[in-house]
Amino acid sequence: MKQGTLKANAVKLASIEVNFMEPASGKMTAKAAFVSLTTGVTHGWTTHQVWSPQTLMKLRELTESMELDLGAFHFLGGAEDVVGAVGPTTTPGATPTGGLGEYLGENHKEDADPA
């Protein structure tokens, strides 16, 4: 291993991936570059997953705005808020967490008929 003074003097967000199917807060991973503002050279990459309450609040605002846009595009008359308790949403191929899905899912894979 070697050490020295990093030539990069800035960090630039390159991309984010957000998984809203994770627990209620969601999971967000950012990829960022360490860059030199003088030369424009990228000196390295990093990922990050720990966020401040302010960033998580802004993520919730972005989510709400995006869902309104999706509703305006896909629903006649736009979208409306869901009233009442709503269970978790699953992604295609995800293992359900209760009822028949639990029986057929991850907890009983050894009983499943191989496909």
Protein backbone atom coordinates (compact mmCIF):
# COMPACT_ATOMS: atom_id res chain seq x y z
CA MET A 1 0.00 0.00 0.00
CA LYS A 2 1.16 3.54 -0.72
CA GLN A 3 0.14 6.89 0.73
CA GLY A 4 0.37 10.50 -0.34
CA THR A 5 -1.63 13.65 -0.86
CA LEU A 6 -4.64 13.18 -3.09
CA LYS A 7 -4.63 15.46 -6.13
CA ALA A 8 -8.44 15.56 -6.18
CA ASN A 9 -9.97 18.60 -4.50
CA ALA A 10 -13.67 17.92 -5.08
CA VAL A 11 -16.24 15.18 -4.99
CA LYS A 12 -18.90 14.97 -7.73
CA LEU A 13 -22.08 12.91 -7.52
CA ALA A 14 -22.21 10.66 -10.56
CA SER A 15 -25.31 8.53 -10.01
CA ILE A 16 -27.76 7.28 -7.43
CA GLU A 17 -29.70 4.06 -7.10
CA VAL A 18 -32.74 4.02 -4.83
CA ASN A 19 -34.61 0.88 -3.83
CA PHE A 20 -38.00 1.82 -2.37
CA MET A 21 -38.86 -1.83 -1.79
CA GLU A 22 -36.44 -1.97 1.14
CA PRO A 23 -37.79 -1.08 4.59
CA ALA A 24 -39.82 2.11 4.89
CA SER A 25 -36.88 4.50 4.59
CA GLY A 26 -35.72 2.94 1.33
CA LYS A 27 -32.13 2.21 0.44
CA MET A 28 -30.12 4.74 -1.55
CA THR A 29 -26.61 4.21 -2.87
CA ALA A 30 -24.69 7.03 -4.48
CA LYS A 31 -21.65 6.69 -6.71
CA ALA A 32 -19.30 9.67 -6.67
CA ALA A 33 -16.01 10.65 -8.28
CA PHE A 34 -13.02 12.32 -6.67
CA VAL A 35 -11.98 14.96 -9.22
CA SER A 36 -9.43 17.71 -9.65
CA LEU A 37 -11.10 21.04 -10.42
CA THR A 38 -7.79 22.22 -11.90
CA THR A 39 -7.21 19.41 -14.40
CA GLY A 40 -10.63 17.80 -14.66
CA VAL A 41 -9.03 14.40 -14.00
CA THR A 42 -11.00 11.82 -12.02
CA HIS A 43 -8.73 10.30 -9.39
CA GLY A 44 -11.06 7.71 -7.93
CA TRP A 45 -14.58 6.51 -7.24
CA THR A 46 -16.55 5.79 -4.09
CA THR A 47 -20.03 4.71 -3.05
CA HIS A 48 -22.01 6.00 -0.10
CA GLN A 49 -25.15 4.81 1.76
CA VAL A 50 -25.35 6.84 5.01
CA TRP A 51 -27.62 9.89 4.73
CA SER A 52 -28.59 12.82 6.93
CA PRO A 53 -32.20 13.35 8.00
CA GLN A 54 -32.30 16.38 5.66
CA THR A 55 -31.26 14.27 2.65
CA LEU A 56 -33.83 11.59 3.52
CA MET A 57 -36.52 14.29 3.80
CA LYS A 58 -35.58 15.58 0.33
CA LEU A 59 -35.69 12.00 -0.99
CA ARG A 60 -39.27 11.66 0.34
CA GLU A 61 -40.16 14.95 -1.39
CA LEU A 62 -38.65 13.70 -4.65
CA THR A 63 -40.53 10.41 -4.31
CA GLU A 64 -43.84 12.23 -3.80
CA SER A 65 -43.21 14.46 -6.82
CA MET A 66 -42.25 11.51 -9.03
CA GLU A 67 -45.34 9.54 -7.97
CA LEU A 68 -47.51 12.56 -8.87
CA ASP A 69 -45.86 12.66 -12.32
CA LEU A 70 -46.41 8.91 -12.74
CA GLY A 71 -50.03 9.26 -11.66
CA ALA A 72 -50.63 12.13 -14.07
CA PHE A 73 -49.28 10.00 -16.91
CA HIS A 74 -50.90 6.65 -16.07
CA PHE A 75 -54.22 7.46 -14.34
CA LEU A 76 -57.23 9.22 -15.84
CA GLY A 77 -57.60 12.47 -13.92
CA GLY A 78 -54.21 12.13 -12.26
CA ALA A 79 -53.28 10.45 -9.01
CA GLU A 80 -54.77 10.62 -5.54
CA ASP A 81 -53.36 9.62 -2.18
CA VAL A 82 -54.08 6.11 -0.95
CA VAL A 83 -56.32 6.19 2.13
CA GLY A 84 -56.00 3.61 4.90
CA ALA A 85 -53.35 1.05 5.70
CA VAL A 86 -51.43 -0.23 2.74
CA GLY A 87 -49.24 -3.30 2.98
CA PRO A 88 -45.76 -3.52 1.53
CA THR A 89 -45.37 -3.70 -2.21
CA THR A 90 -43.33 -6.52 -3.67
CA THR A 91 -41.15 -6.58 -6.72
CA PRO A 92 -41.61 -9.30 -9.34
CA GLY A 93 -39.87 -12.44 -8.14
CA ALA A 94 -39.57 -11.18 -4.56
CA THR A 95 -40.41 -13.58 -1.77
CA PRO A 96 -43.66 -12.55 -0.07
CA THR A 97 -43.49 -12.29 3.71
CA GLY A 98 -46.77 -13.79 4.82
CA GLY A 99 -49.61 -16.18 4.17
CA LEU A 100 -49.40 -18.64 1.30
CA GLY A 101 -46.44 -16.73 -0.14
CA GLU A 102 -44.47 -17.41 3.02
CA TYR A 103 -45.27 -21.10 2.78
CA LEU A 104 -44.25 -21.25 -0.87
CA GLY A 105 -41.36 -18.83 -0.50
CA GLU A 106 -37.96 -18.76 1.09
CA ASN A 107 -38.81 -20.66 4.29
CA HIS A 108 -39.79 -23.81 2.38
CA LYS A 109 -37.50 -23.87 -0.64
CA GLU A 110 -36.61 -27.49 0.13
CA ASP A 111 -40.30 -28.41 -0.37
CA ALA A 112 -40.58 -26.58 -3.67
CA ASP A 113 -40.88 -28.56 -6.87
CA PRO A 114 -37.66 -27.97 -8.86
CA ALA A 115 -38.37 -26.22 -12.14
